[in-house]
Amino acid sequence: MNNSIYSVSQLNQAARLLLEQLGFIWLTGEISNFSQPVSGHWYLTLKDENAQVRCAMFRMKNARVSFRPQNGMQVLVRANVSLYEPRGDYQLIIESMQPAGDGLLQQQFDALKMKLASEGLFAQNLKKNLPHFSRKVGIITSLTGAALQDILHILARRDPTLAVVIYPTAVQGDEASAEIVQMIELANQRQEVDVLIVGRGGGSLEDLNCFNQENVARAIFRSVIPIISAVGHETDITIADFVADVRAATPSAAAELVSRDQKELQQQLLYKQQRLEMAIDRLFQYKNQQLKQALLRLQAQHPLTQLHQQHKQIQQLQHRLQFALQQQYEKKSQKLTALYTRLQQNPLPYQLKRQQQTLNQLHIRLQFAIKKYCQQQQYHFTKLTGQLDHLSPLKVLNRGYSVTQNMNNIPLTSIEQLSQNQQVKTQLADGYFFSQITALHKEK
């Protein structure tokens, strides 16, 4: 038997500590005696048919409540049990408050979210990538909802050639979840679209409840076709958002994800054209530099035979240059033609034709410039060849001069290099002959 004698303060403190050991509890009841003094805190009573309890909700907590409590309203609260020691009043300190119906839905939402997450349905590595270029998109939503009109309007503005298949379904009510599952399975059976948008406009938690059902979540997870969840407004979060491959903040945002802006395509085409022109310019400059270096090497070689060989090499380089330019041009033209063919399927603006005309003109100017440059280099080469030929030792021999060498092919330039009975070789313009020294005479 505990024989301790408590003071009133000690008793109230002990009672408070015992009550607070209960931790957080969930409680539903009817609001009465609601008040909000200048401090911003809420004070109220929760009651049912047989009992009532005083409650307090401090300003930092009640600022998160999305509605204004009213007397007579049924609510679901999460609270700590406590005791106000100065008066000995037993009370609840409320942490969160929701309308009673929404509170039950929120509990079901949290439980299902935890269950599916533990099974791996939200795993990021299992999510499918959206197609880079969609040809046909499927929309699972209500035919009469504003969400469908928003999606169709944006698709028509951004990419009017994108085909759309609508899978009509209810998006609110008891039968909605079963219809949504049926449409997801139907789209996967037909395999006629590249991506699916599943969603509706905004609403209360109860309005969006069909997208928080387990059968809808598992149908989205099983889908082979990538699915974009576009439910409600940006602040609305559903189980479908967690399971889907991509979550869009709104149905309009989902439409922008699956469509490609024509202006963007036009900019890409212009960028590729500019890259092609730059690549051709760089290749031309590189080959032109190679040609100049080959000409410098040719000028450094003196013998006529090497001169002819260099001439052949220059011709080969010219052919290789023309062939490389032609090959590069054809390769880039094929890529451009392929892109142009794809873009022809879309009603691109008139500017695309103007860009094609500009490209054709650049092609003609490039071919003309290459031809003109090759002609100039050929003329310059012919001129250099004539100059070298005029300075050739063979021309000197043709004018009656000759070159005398010893038997080791060393030119003889002094009488001191000769001896009696020595054999020598004399080179004329059209041949050579051998002779023997019989007498030597040195000039005084």
Protein backbone atom coordinates (compact mmCIF):
# COMPACT_ATOMS: atom_id res chain seq x y z
CA MET A 1 0.00 0.00 0.00
CA ASN A 2 1.32 3.40 -1.00
CA ASN A 3 1.30 5.60 2.12
CA SER A 4 2.72 8.71 0.34
CA ILE A 5 0.85 11.93 0.94
CA TYR A 6 0.40 14.00 -2.28
CA SER A 7 -0.14 17.66 -2.61
CA VAL A 8 -2.80 18.71 -5.11
CA SER A 9 -0.05 19.86 -7.52
CA GLN A 10 1.77 16.56 -7.19
CA LEU A 11 -1.44 14.63 -7.80
CA ASN A 12 -2.30 16.60 -10.93
CA GLN A 13 1.26 16.25 -12.21
CA ALA A 14 1.25 12.47 -11.65
CA ALA A 15 -2.13 12.19 -13.34
CA ARG A 16 -0.88 14.20 -16.35
CA LEU A 17 2.16 11.98 -16.73
CA LEU A 18 0.01 8.85 -16.61
CA LEU A 19 -2.39 10.20 -19.22
CA GLU A 20 0.38 11.33 -21.57
CA GLN A 21 1.79 7.80 -21.58
CA LEU A 22 -1.15 6.84 -23.81
CA GLY A 23 0.59 8.66 -26.70
CA PHE A 24 -1.32 9.73 -29.83
CA ILE A 25 -4.91 8.55 -30.26
CA TRP A 26 -7.51 8.98 -33.01
CA LEU A 27 -10.89 10.30 -31.88
CA THR A 28 -14.09 11.21 -33.72
CA GLY A 29 -16.82 13.44 -32.34
CA GLU A 30 -19.03 16.52 -32.71
CA ILE A 31 -17.62 20.03 -32.14
CA SER A 32 -19.26 22.29 -29.59
CA ASN A 33 -18.25 25.42 -27.63
CA PHE A 34 -15.69 26.34 -30.32
CA SER A 35 -13.73 29.54 -29.66
CA GLN A 36 -10.59 31.29 -30.94
CA PRO A 37 -9.18 34.07 -28.74
CA VAL A 38 -6.64 36.66 -29.90
CA SER A 39 -3.81 34.19 -29.23
CA GLY A 40 -4.91 32.21 -32.29
CA HIS A 41 -5.31 28.95 -30.36
CA TRP A 42 -8.54 26.91 -30.73
CA TYR A 43 -10.54 25.71 -27.76
CA LEU A 44 -13.49 23.36 -28.22
CA THR A 45 -15.38 20.40 -26.83
CA LEU A 46 -15.77 17.04 -28.60
CA LYS A 47 -18.89 15.10 -27.66
CA ASP A 48 -21.07 12.16 -28.60
CA GLU A 49 -24.48 11.05 -27.21
CA ASN A 50 -23.12 10.14 -23.78
CA ALA A 51 -19.91 12.06 -23.03
CA GLN A 52 -17.71 15.01 -23.85
CA VAL A 53 -14.07 16.05 -23.52
CA ARG A 54 -12.36 19.44 -23.62
CA CYS A 55 -9.76 20.01 -26.36
CA ALA A 56 -7.14 22.57 -27.32
CA MET A 57 -5.34 23.03 -30.64
CA PHE A 58 -2.45 25.47 -30.65
CA ARG A 59 -1.94 28.07 -33.37
CA MET A 60 1.08 26.38 -35.02
CA LYS A 61 -0.99 23.21 -35.48
CA ASN A 62 -4.36 24.70 -36.49
CA ALA A 63 -2.71 26.77 -39.23
CA ARG A 64 -2.41 23.52 -41.22
CA VAL A 65 -6.16 22.76 -41.07
CA SER A 66 -7.79 23.37 -44.46
CA PHE A 67 -11.29 24.24 -43.15
CA ARG A 68 -12.88 26.42 -40.48
CA PRO A 69 -14.36 24.32 -37.62
CA GLN A 70 -18.00 24.97 -36.82
CA ASN A 71 -20.17 23.88 -33.91
CA GLY A 72 -22.06 20.71 -34.80
CA MET A 73 -19.41 19.52 -37.30
CA GLN A 74 -18.26 15.90 -37.12
CA VAL A 75 -14.44 15.68 -37.18
CA LEU A 76 -11.65 13.14 -36.84
CA VAL A 77 -8.70 14.32 -34.69
CA ARG A 78 -5.28 12.98 -33.77
CA ALA A 79 -4.38 14.07 -30.27
CA ASN A 80 -2.43 13.53 -27.05
CA VAL A 81 -4.34 12.94 -23.80
CA SER A 82 -3.20 15.39 -21.14
CA LEU A 83 -4.32 17.29 -18.02
CA TYR A 84 -4.26 21.02 -17.32
CA GLU A 85 -2.60 21.00 -13.90
CA PRO A 86 -3.70 24.45 -12.54
CA ARG A 87 -7.39 23.47 -12.74
CA GLY A 88 -7.08 19.69 -12.77
CA ASP A 89 -9.02 19.55 -16.07
CA TYR A 90 -8.55 16.47 -18.24
CA GLN A 91 -8.20 17.49 -21.92
CA LEU A 92 -6.93 16.58 -25.41
CA ILE A 93 -4.10 18.42 -27.17
CA ILE A 94 -5.02 18.11 -30.89
CA GLU A 95 -2.24 17.64 -33.47
CA SER A 96 -4.37 17.34 -36.65
CA MET A 97 -8.04 17.66 -37.60
CA GLN A 98 -10.07 16.51 -40.60
CA PRO A 99 -13.74 16.22 -41.47
CA ALA A 100 -14.90 12.81 -40.27
CA GLY A 101 -15.49 11.40 -43.76
CA ASP A 102 -12.17 12.67 -45.16
CA GLY A 103 -10.39 11.42 -42.09
CA LEU A 104 -11.47 7.84 -42.72
CA LEU A 105 -10.44 8.12 -46.36
CA GLN A 106 -7.06 9.52 -45.31
CA GLN A 107 -6.50 6.58 -42.98
CA GLN A 108 -7.36 4.16 -45.78
CA PHE A 109 -5.04 6.11 -48.11
CA ASP A 110 -2.10 5.91 -45.68
CA ALA A 111 -2.64 2.19 -45.03
CA LEU A 112 -2.81 1.31 -48.74
CA LYS A 113 0.21 3.50 -49.52
CA MET A 114 2.27 1.71 -46.88
CA LYS A 115 1.15 -1.72 -48.13
CA LEU A 116 1.91 -1.07 -51.80
CA ALA A 117 5.23 0.59 -51.00
CA SER A 118 6.32 -2.48 -49.03
CA GLU A 119 5.48 -4.65 -52.06
CA GLY A 120 7.68 -2.52 -54.33
CA LEU A 121 4.93 -1.01 -56.53
CA PHE A 122 6.48 2.46 -56.11
CA ALA A 123 10.06 1.37 -56.94
CA GLN A 124 11.75 3.90 -59.22
CA ASN A 125 13.81 1.28 -61.07
CA LEU A 126 10.64 -0.48 -62.24
CA LYS A 127 9.13 2.59 -63.88
CA LYS A 128 9.03 2.69 -67.69
CA ASN A 129 10.42 5.57 -69.74
CA LEU A 130 8.07 7.65 -71.85
CA PRO A 131 8.59 7.34 -75.63
CA HIS A 132 10.80 10.05 -77.08
CA PHE A 133 8.41 10.65 -79.96
CA SER A 134 4.78 9.57 -79.51
CA ARG A 135 2.69 8.82 -82.58
CA LYS A 136 -0.55 8.03 -80.75
CA VAL A 137 -1.63 8.78 -77.19
CA GLY A 138 -4.46 7.20 -75.16
CA ILE A 139 -6.58 9.17 -72.66
CA ILE A 140 -8.51 7.39 -69.88
CA THR A 141 -10.93 9.91 -68.38
CA SER A 142 -14.51 11.13 -68.46
CA LEU A 143 -15.94 12.28 -71.80
CA THR A 144 -17.75 15.15 -70.09
CA GLY A 145 -14.95 16.35 -67.82
CA ALA A 146 -12.95 19.53 -68.25
CA ALA A 147 -9.72 17.51 -68.05
CA LEU A 148 -10.36 15.91 -71.46
CA GLN A 149 -10.96 19.26 -73.12
CA ASP A 150 -7.80 20.72 -71.57
CA ILE A 151 -5.72 17.80 -72.86
CA LEU A 152 -7.20 17.90 -76.38
CA HIS A 153 -6.76 21.68 -76.60
CA ILE A 154 -3.06 21.53 -75.71
CA LEU A 155 -2.39 18.58 -78.05
CA ALA A 156 -4.09 20.41 -80.93
CA ARG A 157 -2.01 23.51 -80.29
CA ARG A 158 1.36 21.84 -79.82
CA ASP A 159 1.16 18.86 -82.20
CA PRO A 160 -2.04 18.64 -84.30
CA THR A 161 -0.82 15.50 -86.09
CA LEU A 162 -0.61 13.46 -82.87
CA ALA A 163 -3.35 10.81 -82.98
CA VAL A 164 -5.56 10.44 -79.89
CA VAL A 165 -7.58 7.45 -78.65
CA ILE A 166 -10.09 8.15 -75.86
CA TYR A 167 -11.01 5.37 -73.45
CA PRO A 168 -14.12 6.79 -71.71
CA THR A 169 -14.72 5.99 -68.04
CA ALA A 170 -16.32 7.37 -64.93
CA VAL A 171 -13.83 9.17 -62.69
CA GLN A 172 -16.02 9.49 -59.58
CA GLY A 173 -18.34 7.17 -57.72
CA ASP A 174 -18.51 3.53 -56.66
CA GLU A 175 -18.13 2.05 -60.17
CA ALA A 176 -15.34 4.36 -61.33
CA SER A 177 -12.35 2.29 -60.16
CA ALA A 178 -13.60 -0.86 -61.94
CA GLU A 179 -14.14 1.08 -65.18
CA ILE A 180 -10.66 2.64 -64.98
CA VAL A 181 -9.12 -0.83 -64.54
CA GLN A 182 -11.15 -2.11 -67.50
CA MET A 183 -9.94 0.71 -69.77
CA ILE A 184 -6.27 0.21 -68.76
CA GLU A 185 -6.53 -3.50 -69.58
CA LEU A 186 -8.34 -2.76 -72.85
CA ALA A 187 -5.59 -0.36 -73.99
CA ASN A 188 -2.92 -2.97 -73.20
CA GLN A 189 -4.83 -5.62 -75.16
CA ARG A 190 -5.17 -3.41 -78.24
CA GLN A 191 -1.60 -2.03 -78.12
CA GLU A 192 -2.64 0.88 -80.32
CA VAL A 193 -1.11 3.75 -78.37
CA ASP A 194 2.42 4.62 -77.26
CA VAL A 195 1.51 6.15 -73.90
CA LEU A 196 -1.57 6.46 -71.64
CA ILE A 197 -2.80 9.48 -69.67
CA VAL A 198 -5.01 8.46 -66.73
CA GLY A 199 -6.66 11.28 -64.82
CA ARG A 200 -9.33 13.87 -64.14
CA GLY A 201 -9.72 17.39 -62.82
CA GLY A 202 -9.43 18.48 -59.21
CA GLY A 203 -11.79 17.69 -56.36
CA SER A 204 -12.07 16.64 -52.76
CA LEU A 205 -10.42 13.54 -51.32
CA GLU A 206 -13.74 11.74 -51.71
CA ASP A 207 -14.04 12.85 -55.36
CA LEU A 208 -10.56 11.45 -56.13
CA ASN A 209 -11.11 8.27 -54.13
CA CYS A 210 -11.35 5.99 -57.19
CA PHE A 211 -7.68 6.76 -57.94
CA ASN A 212 -6.77 5.64 -54.40
CA GLN A 213 -8.11 2.10 -54.89
CA GLU A 214 -5.88 -0.97 -54.83
CA ASN A 215 -7.31 -2.46 -58.05
CA VAL A 216 -6.47 0.74 -59.97
CA ALA A 217 -2.95 0.82 -58.53
CA ARG A 218 -2.26 -2.79 -59.51
CA ALA A 219 -3.69 -2.27 -63.03
CA ILE A 220 -1.33 0.68 -63.53
CA PHE A 221 1.60 -1.39 -62.25
CA ARG A 222 0.76 -4.29 -64.63
CA SER A 223 0.45 -2.04 -67.68
CA VAL A 224 2.98 -2.66 -70.45
CA ILE A 225 2.20 0.77 -71.91
CA PRO A 226 3.83 3.68 -69.98
CA ILE A 227 1.23 5.54 -67.89
CA ILE A 228 1.14 9.21 -66.87
CA SER A 229 -1.00 9.93 -63.81
CA ALA A 230 -2.70 13.34 -64.12
CA VAL A 231 -5.20 13.51 -61.27
CA GLY A 232 -6.51 16.77 -59.88
CA HIS A 233 -4.50 19.91 -59.23
CA GLU A 234 -0.80 20.20 -58.41
CA THR A 235 -1.44 19.80 -54.67
CA ASP A 236 -3.60 16.67 -55.06
CA ILE A 237 -1.71 13.42 -54.46
CA THR A 238 -3.22 9.96 -55.12
CA ILE A 239 -2.03 6.36 -54.96
CA ALA A 240 -2.12 6.35 -58.78
CA ASP A 241 0.58 9.07 -58.76
CA PHE A 242 2.96 6.85 -56.80
CA VAL A 243 2.45 3.77 -59.01
CA ALA A 244 2.41 5.50 -62.40
CA ASP A 245 5.59 5.74 -64.48
CA VAL A 246 5.30 9.56 -64.48
CA ARG A 247 3.19 11.93 -62.40
CA ALA A 248 1.93 15.12 -64.05
CA ALA A 249 0.83 18.00 -61.85
CA THR A 250 -2.31 18.55 -63.96
CA PRO A 251 -3.97 17.02 -67.04
CA SER A 252 -2.64 19.98 -69.06
CA ALA A 253 0.91 19.21 -67.90
CA ALA A 254 0.43 15.59 -69.02
CA ALA A 255 -0.54 16.77 -72.50
CA GLU A 256 2.64 18.82 -72.73
CA LEU A 257 4.72 15.78 -71.70
CA VAL A 258 3.46 13.59 -74.57
CA SER A 259 3.47 16.22 -77.33
CA ARG A 260 6.30 17.97 -79.13
CA ASP A 261 6.06 21.63 -79.99
CA GLN A 262 6.36 22.33 -83.75
CA LYS A 263 8.49 25.39 -83.02
CA GLU A 264 10.89 23.14 -81.13
CA LEU A 265 11.10 20.79 -84.12
CA GLN A 266 11.79 23.72 -86.43
CA GLN A 267 14.56 24.94 -84.13
CA GLN A 268 16.08 21.45 -84.13
CA LEU A 269 16.06 21.37 -87.92
CA LEU A 270 17.74 24.77 -88.12
CA TYR A 271 20.36 23.64 -85.59
CA LYS A 272 21.15 20.49 -87.59
CA GLN A 273 21.43 22.55 -90.79
CA GLN A 274 23.87 24.94 -89.14
CA ARG A 275 25.94 22.02 -87.85
CA LEU A 276 26.04 20.55 -91.37
CA GLU A 277 27.27 23.83 -92.85
CA MET A 278 29.92 24.17 -90.15
CA ALA A 279 31.09 20.59 -90.68
CA ILE A 280 31.46 21.17 -94.42
CA ASP A 281 33.38 24.41 -93.80
CA ARG A 282 35.76 22.71 -91.36
CA LEU A 283 36.34 19.81 -93.75
CA PHE A 284 36.99 22.18 -96.65
CA GLN A 285 39.47 24.22 -94.61
CA TYR A 286 41.25 21.07 -93.43
CA LYS A 287 41.57 19.66 -96.94
CA ASN A 288 42.60 23.06 -98.27
CA GLN A 289 45.39 23.21 -95.69
CA GLN A 290 46.51 19.73 -96.71
CA LEU A 291 46.63 20.87 -100.31
CA LYS A 292 48.73 23.92 -99.44
CA GLN A 293 51.19 21.77 -97.50
CA ALA A 294 51.47 19.38 -100.45
CA LEU A 295 52.23 22.33 -102.75
CA LEU A 296 54.96 23.56 -100.40
CA ARG A 297 56.56 20.13 -100.37
CA LEU A 298 56.38 20.03 -104.16
CA GLN A 299 58.17 23.37 -104.47
CA ALA A 300 60.98 22.11 -102.18
CA GLN A 301 61.72 19.17 -104.58
CA HIS A 302 64.03 20.02 -107.52
CA PRO A 303 64.39 16.99 -109.88
CA LEU A 304 61.90 16.81 -112.71
CA THR A 305 60.94 13.21 -111.95
CA GLN A 306 59.97 14.09 -108.36
CA LEU A 307 58.11 17.09 -109.70
CA HIS A 308 55.93 14.80 -111.82
CA GLN A 309 55.35 12.50 -108.84
CA GLN A 310 54.25 15.41 -106.71
CA HIS A 311 51.91 16.46 -109.48
CA LYS A 312 50.30 13.05 -109.39
CA GLN A 313 49.99 13.20 -105.61
CA ILE A 314 48.31 16.59 -105.85
CA GLN A 315 45.84 15.21 -108.35
CA GLN A 316 45.16 12.29 -106.04
CA LEU A 317 44.63 14.66 -103.13
CA GLN A 318 42.26 16.72 -105.25
CA HIS A 319 40.29 13.61 -106.13
CA ARG A 320 40.26 12.50 -102.51
CA LEU A 321 39.16 15.96 -101.44
CA GLN A 322 36.32 16.01 -103.93
CA PHE A 323 35.37 12.43 -103.04
CA ALA A 324 35.48 13.15 -99.27
CA LEU A 325 33.43 16.32 -99.67
CA GLN A 326 30.94 14.48 -101.81
CA GLN A 327 30.74 11.62 -99.34
CA GLN A 328 30.35 13.98 -96.39
CA TYR A 329 27.74 15.98 -98.22
CA GLU A 330 25.77 12.87 -99.21
CA LYS A 331 25.93 11.54 -95.65
CA LYS A 332 24.67 14.79 -94.17
CA SER A 333 22.11 15.13 -96.96
CA GLN A 334 20.76 11.65 -96.20
CA LYS A 335 20.33 12.55 -92.53
CA LEU A 336 18.70 15.83 -93.47
CA THR A 337 16.44 14.09 -95.99
CA ALA A 338 15.39 11.53 -93.39
CA LEU A 339 14.55 14.26 -90.92
CA TYR A 340 12.80 16.25 -93.60
CA THR A 341 10.72 13.18 -94.54
CA ARG A 342 9.64 12.80 -90.94
CA LEU A 343 8.78 16.45 -90.69
CA GLN A 344 6.79 16.32 -93.94
CA GLN A 345 4.27 14.20 -92.06
CA ASN A 346 3.58 17.26 -89.93
CA PRO A 347 2.15 20.50 -91.33
CA LEU A 348 5.25 22.56 -90.60
CA PRO A 349 5.18 26.31 -91.27
CA TYR A 350 6.24 27.87 -94.56
CA GLN A 351 9.62 28.79 -93.06
CA LEU A 352 10.73 25.15 -93.40
CA LYS A 353 10.58 25.41 -97.21
CA ARG A 354 12.63 28.59 -97.09
CA GLN A 355 15.29 26.84 -95.04
CA GLN A 356 15.40 23.99 -97.58
CA GLN A 357 15.86 26.50 -100.43
CA THR A 358 18.70 28.14 -98.50
CA LEU A 359 20.36 24.76 -98.05
CA ASN A 360 20.11 24.03 -101.79
CA GLN A 361 21.68 27.40 -102.63
CA LEU A 362 24.53 26.72 -100.20
CA HIS A 363 25.09 23.35 -101.86
CA ILE A 364 25.38 24.95 -105.33
CA ARG A 365 27.72 27.67 -104.02
CA LEU A 366 29.91 25.05 -102.32
CA GLN A 367 30.29 22.98 -105.50
CA PHE A 368 31.09 26.09 -107.54
CA ALA A 369 33.69 27.25 -104.98
CA ILE A 370 35.39 23.83 -104.95
CA LYS A 371 35.55 23.72 -108.76
CA LYS A 372 36.93 27.25 -109.00
CA TYR A 373 39.56 26.62 -106.33
CA CYS A 374 40.74 23.40 -108.03
CA GLN A 375 41.06 25.25 -111.37
CA GLN A 376 43.14 28.00 -109.72
CA GLN A 377 45.47 25.47 -108.09
CA GLN A 378 45.85 23.56 -111.40
CA TYR A 379 46.83 26.77 -113.19
CA HIS A 380 49.32 27.66 -110.46
CA PHE A 381 50.82 24.18 -110.59
CA THR A 382 51.23 24.32 -114.41
CA LYS A 383 52.97 27.69 -114.08
CA LEU A 384 55.41 26.35 -111.46
CA THR A 385 56.12 23.29 -113.61
CA GLY A 386 57.10 25.49 -116.55
CA GLN A 387 59.42 27.57 -114.38
CA LEU A 388 61.16 24.49 -112.98
CA ASP A 389 61.46 22.97 -116.43
CA HIS A 390 63.12 26.14 -117.73
CA LEU A 391 65.73 25.89 -114.93
CA SER A 392 66.35 22.16 -115.45
CA PRO A 393 70.02 21.05 -116.15
CA LEU A 394 68.73 19.15 -119.16
CA LYS A 395 67.88 22.46 -120.87
CA VAL A 396 71.47 23.63 -120.38
CA LEU A 397 72.80 20.43 -122.02
CA ASN A 398 70.53 21.01 -125.02
CA ARG A 399 72.36 24.30 -125.69
CA GLY A 400 75.70 22.46 -126.35
CA TYR A 401 77.10 22.18 -122.88
CA SER A 402 78.27 18.90 -121.33
CA VAL A 403 79.11 17.52 -117.87
CA THR A 404 82.27 15.41 -117.28
CA GLN A 405 82.41 13.00 -114.30
CA ASN A 406 84.89 10.44 -113.01
CA MET A 407 83.91 6.79 -112.86
CA ASN A 408 82.34 7.42 -109.43
CA ASN A 409 79.91 9.97 -110.99
CA ILE A 410 81.63 12.90 -109.30
CA PRO A 411 81.60 16.04 -111.46
CA LEU A 412 85.12 17.19 -112.61
CA THR A 413 85.63 20.90 -112.10
CA SER A 414 89.49 21.17 -111.85
CA ILE A 415 92.54 19.72 -113.69
CA GLU A 416 93.80 18.69 -110.28
CA GLN A 417 91.14 15.95 -110.19
CA LEU A 418 92.65 14.23 -113.31
CA SER A 419 95.63 11.93 -113.89
CA GLN A 420 97.41 10.36 -116.90
CA ASN A 421 95.48 7.43 -118.50
CA GLN A 422 92.40 8.08 -116.28
CA GLN A 423 88.98 7.16 -117.72
CA VAL A 424 86.19 9.76 -117.55
CA LYS A 425 82.49 9.95 -118.49
CA THR A 426 81.02 12.83 -120.46
CA GLN A 427 77.21 13.57 -120.34
CA LEU A 428 75.64 15.22 -123.41
CA ALA A 429 72.01 16.22 -123.93
CA ASP A 430 71.03 12.96 -125.63
CA GLY A 431 73.55 10.49 -124.08
CA TYR A 432 77.09 10.05 -122.74
CA PHE A 433 80.51 8.62 -123.80
CA PHE A 434 83.69 7.40 -122.07
CA SER A 435 87.26 8.67 -122.84
CA GLN A 436 90.84 8.23 -121.53
CA ILE A 437 93.21 11.05 -120.52
CA THR A 438 96.34 10.99 -122.72
CA ALA A 439 97.70 14.43 -121.89
CA LEU A 440 97.09 17.13 -119.23
CA HIS A 441 97.66 20.89 -119.67
CA LYS A 442 97.15 23.33 -116.82
CA GLU A 443 96.49 27.01 -117.56
CA LYS A 444 99.10 29.38 -116.12
